[in-house]
C-alpha atoms as a PDB file:
ATOM      1  CA  MET A   1     -20.190 -31.542 -33.684  1.00  0.00           C
ATOM      2  CA  GLU A   2     -18.322 -28.912 -34.661  1.00  0.00           C
ATOM      3  CA  ASN A   3     -21.351 -26.587 -36.101  1.00  0.00           C
ATOM      4  CA  LEU A   4     -22.156 -26.517 -31.822  1.00  0.00           C
ATOM      5  CA  ASN A   5     -18.790 -24.752 -30.904  1.00  0.00           C
ATOM      6  CA  ASN A   6     -19.233 -22.648 -33.644  1.00  0.00           C
ATOM      7  CA  GLN A   7     -22.789 -21.159 -32.370  1.00  0.00           C
ATOM      8  CA  ARG A   8     -21.898 -21.037 -29.250  1.00  0.00           C
ATOM      9  CA  GLU A   9     -17.981 -19.377 -29.795  1.00  0.00           C
ATOM     10  CA  ILE A  10     -20.393 -16.674 -32.248  1.00  0.00           C
ATOM     11  CA  LYS A  11     -23.167 -15.897 -29.462  1.00  0.00           C
ATOM     12  CA  LYS A  12     -20.197 -15.806 -26.181  1.00  0.00           C
ATOM     13  CA  ASP A  13     -18.742 -13.051 -29.011  1.00  0.00           C
ATOM     14  CA  LYS A  14     -22.908 -11.361 -29.119  1.00  0.00           C
ATOM     15  CA  LYS A  15     -22.674 -11.413 -25.704  1.00  0.00           C
ATOM     16  CA  ILE A  16     -19.246  -9.118 -25.408  1.00  0.00           C
ATOM     17  CA  ASN A  17     -19.507  -7.119 -27.416  1.00  0.00           C
ATOM     18  CA  ASN A  18     -23.414  -6.655 -26.552  1.00  0.00           C
ATOM     19  CA  GLU A  19     -20.808  -5.912 -22.433  1.00  0.00           C
ATOM     20  CA  ILE A  20     -18.670  -3.428 -24.405  1.00  0.00           C
ATOM     21  CA  ASP A  21     -21.442  -1.635 -26.491  1.00  0.00           C
ATOM     22  CA  SER A  22     -23.843  -1.485 -22.630  1.00  0.00           C
ATOM     23  CA  ASN A  23     -20.519  -0.099 -21.204  1.00  0.00           C
ATOM     24  CA  GLU A  24     -18.928   2.292 -23.489  1.00  0.00           C
ATOM     25  CA  SER A  25     -22.973   4.023 -23.897  1.00  0.00           C
ATOM     26  CA  LYS A  26     -23.514   6.093 -19.896  1.00  0.00           C
ATOM     27  CA  SER A  27     -24.204   9.410 -20.696  1.00  0.00           C
ATOM     28  CA  PRO A  28     -21.590  11.764 -18.962  1.00  0.00           C
ATOM     29  CA  LEU A  29     -24.632  12.643 -16.764  1.00  0.00           C
ATOM     30  CA  SER A  30     -24.424   8.976 -14.892  1.00  0.00           C
ATOM     31  CA  ILE A  31     -21.257   9.256 -14.668  1.00  0.00           C
ATOM     32  CA  PHE A  32     -21.591  12.556 -13.430  1.00  0.00           C
ATOM     33  CA  ILE A  33     -24.827  11.786 -10.322  1.00  0.00           C
ATOM     34  CA  GLY A  34     -22.110   8.172 -10.112  1.00  0.00           C
ATOM     35  CA  SER A  35     -19.109  10.593  -9.025  1.00  0.00           C
ATOM     36  CA  ILE A  36     -22.032  12.629  -7.033  1.00  0.00           C
ATOM     37  CA  THR A  37     -23.219  10.794  -5.380  1.00  0.00           C
ATOM     38  CA  SER A  38     -20.140   9.052  -4.229  1.00  0.00           C
ATOM     39  CA  LEU A  39     -18.097  12.070  -3.298  1.00  0.00           C
ATOM     40  CA  ILE A  40     -21.598  12.185  -0.864  1.00  0.00           C
ATOM     41  CA  LEU A  41     -21.130   8.713   0.807  1.00  0.00           C
ATOM     42  CA  CYS A  42     -18.310   9.283   1.606  1.00  0.00           C
ATOM     43  CA  ILE A  43     -19.219  12.805   3.081  1.00  0.00           C
ATOM     44  CA  PHE A  44     -21.775  11.391   5.086  1.00  0.00           C
ATOM     45  CA  SER A  45     -18.887   8.087   6.236  1.00  0.00           C
ATOM     46  CA  PHE A  46     -16.612  10.780   7.623  1.00  0.00           C
ATOM     47  CA  PHE A  47     -18.688  11.836   9.590  1.00  0.00           C
ATOM     48  CA  ILE A  48     -19.400   8.513  11.089  1.00  0.00           C
ATOM     49  CA  SER A  49     -15.856   7.934  11.069  1.00  0.00           C
ATOM     50  CA  LYS A  50     -14.729  11.008  13.277  1.00  0.00           C
ATOM     51  CA  LYS A  51     -17.630  10.324  15.407  1.00  0.00           C
ATOM     52  CA  ILE A  52     -16.725   6.266  16.203  1.00  0.00           C
ATOM     53  CA  ALA A  53     -13.402   6.856  16.529  1.00  0.00           C
ATOM     54  CA  PHE A  54     -14.490  10.016  19.239  1.00  0.00           C
ATOM     55  CA  TYR A  55     -16.525   8.066  21.057  1.00  0.00           C
ATOM     56  CA  PHE A  56     -13.790   4.480  21.239  1.00  0.00           C
ATOM     57  CA  ALA A  57     -11.734   7.185  22.018  1.00  0.00           C
ATOM     58  CA  THR A  58     -12.786   8.342  24.841  1.00  0.00           C
ATOM     59  CA  HIS A  59     -15.415   4.704  26.331  1.00  0.00           C
ATOM     60  CA  ARG A  60     -11.892   2.706  26.947  1.00  0.00           C
ATOM     61  CA  PRO A  61     -12.635  -0.529  28.318  1.00  0.00           C
ATOM     62  CA  LEU A  62     -13.243  -1.146  31.694  1.00  0.00           C
ATOM     63  CA  ASN A  63     -12.295  -5.106  32.706  1.00  0.00           C
ATOM     64  CA  THR A  64      -9.318  -6.254  34.594  1.00  0.00           C
ATOM     65  CA  SER A  65      -9.211  -8.998  32.086  1.00  0.00           C
ATOM     66  CA  GLU A  66      -6.053  -9.273  30.213  1.00  0.00           C
ATOM     67  CA  ILE A  67      -8.391 -11.483  27.114  1.00  0.00           C
ATOM     68  CA  VAL A  68     -10.967  -8.724  27.253  1.00  0.00           C
ATOM     69  CA  GLN A  69      -9.263  -6.185  26.985  1.00  0.00           C
ATOM     70  CA  SER A  70      -7.373  -7.102  23.957  1.00  0.00           C
ATOM     71  CA  ILE A  71     -10.225  -8.627  22.393  1.00  0.00           C
ATOM     72  CA  SER A  72     -12.589  -4.643  22.973  1.00  0.00           C
ATOM     73  CA  THR A  73      -9.200  -3.284  21.931  1.00  0.00           C
ATOM     74  CA  SER A  74      -8.639  -5.120  18.312  1.00  0.00           C
ATOM     75  CA  LEU A  75     -12.869  -4.837  17.634  1.00  0.00           C
ATOM     76  CA  ASN A  76     -12.919  -1.365  18.429  1.00  0.00           C
ATOM     77  CA  THR A  77      -9.090  -0.883  15.778  1.00  0.00           C
ATOM     78  CA  LEU A  78     -11.306  -2.978  13.206  1.00  0.00           C
ATOM     79  CA  ILE A  79     -14.570  -1.219  13.845  1.00  0.00           C
ATOM     80  CA  VAL A  80     -12.920   2.292  13.386  1.00  0.00           C
ATOM     81  CA  GLY A  81     -10.647   0.678  10.503  1.00  0.00           C
ATOM     82  CA  LEU A  82     -13.339   0.062   8.407  1.00  0.00           C
ATOM     83  CA  SER A  83     -14.762   3.093   9.207  1.00  0.00           C
ATOM     84  CA  PHE A  84     -12.173   4.749   6.945  1.00  0.00           C
ATOM     85  CA  ILE A  85     -11.645   2.217   5.091  1.00  0.00           C
ATOM     86  CA  ALA A  86     -15.315   2.632   3.522  1.00  0.00           C
ATOM     87  CA  THR A  87     -15.177   6.540   3.457  1.00  0.00           C
ATOM     88  CA  PHE A  88     -11.669   6.850   1.438  1.00  0.00           C
ATOM     89  CA  SER A  89     -12.955   3.786  -0.995  1.00  0.00           C
ATOM     90  CA  PHE A  90     -16.420   5.854  -1.495  1.00  0.00           C
ATOM     91  CA  GLY A  91     -13.391   9.675  -2.033  1.00  0.00           C
ATOM     92  CA  PHE A  92     -11.435   7.906  -4.376  1.00  0.00           C
ATOM     93  CA  ILE A  93     -14.855   5.697  -6.278  1.00  0.00           C
ATOM     94  CA  GLY A  94     -15.657   9.147  -6.432  1.00  0.00           C
ATOM     95  CA  LEU A  95     -12.604  11.103  -7.542  1.00  0.00           C
ATOM     96  CA  GLY A  96     -12.726   8.949  -9.948  1.00  0.00           C
ATOM     97  CA  LEU A  97     -15.577   9.075 -12.132  1.00  0.00           C
ATOM     98  CA  PHE A  98     -15.140  12.435 -11.954  1.00  0.00           C
ATOM     99  CA  ILE A  99     -11.908  12.633 -13.701  1.00  0.00           C
ATOM    100  CA  VAL A 100     -13.947  10.176 -15.826  1.00  0.00           C
ATOM    101  CA  PHE A 101     -16.419  12.327 -16.046  1.00  0.00           C
ATOM    102  CA  ILE A 102     -13.416  15.401 -17.578  1.00  0.00           C
ATOM    103  CA  ARG A 103     -12.066  12.545 -20.198  1.00  0.00           C
ATOM    104  CA  SER A 104     -15.803  11.618 -21.483  1.00  0.00           C
ATOM    105  CA  PHE A 105     -15.698  15.493 -22.980  1.00  0.00           C
ATOM    106  CA  LEU A 106     -11.976  15.563 -24.161  1.00  0.00           C
ATOM    107  CA  ILE A 107     -12.452  11.910 -26.217  1.00  0.00           C
ATOM    108  CA  LYS A 108     -13.833  11.687 -29.238  1.00  0.00           C
ATOM    109  CA  LYS A 109     -15.624   9.350 -30.700  1.00  0.00           C
ATOM    110  CA  SER A 110     -15.482   7.583 -33.964  1.00  0.00           C
END
């Protein structure tokens, strides 16, 4: 029984080591391409977010029911908020990957 536990621990250690090795083997080019892709998606989603916000600002709900207006305003706010969250998420991911790209040249590999 103890032998099986030891084998499981060895397999777990090998799996963890393989995951660490695969994370360290990313080339600076792949990091840079990921950064550029994320920044392009940030710009694209920013323009879409601006159009969504402009659309909802110019097209107010025309219902007389307060409940319908409340639900409509809540959904509009949710949609605009999610679009800007996507924009800034892509932006921060792109910025972080660009910093990792710069850092990959400054750190010496042992």
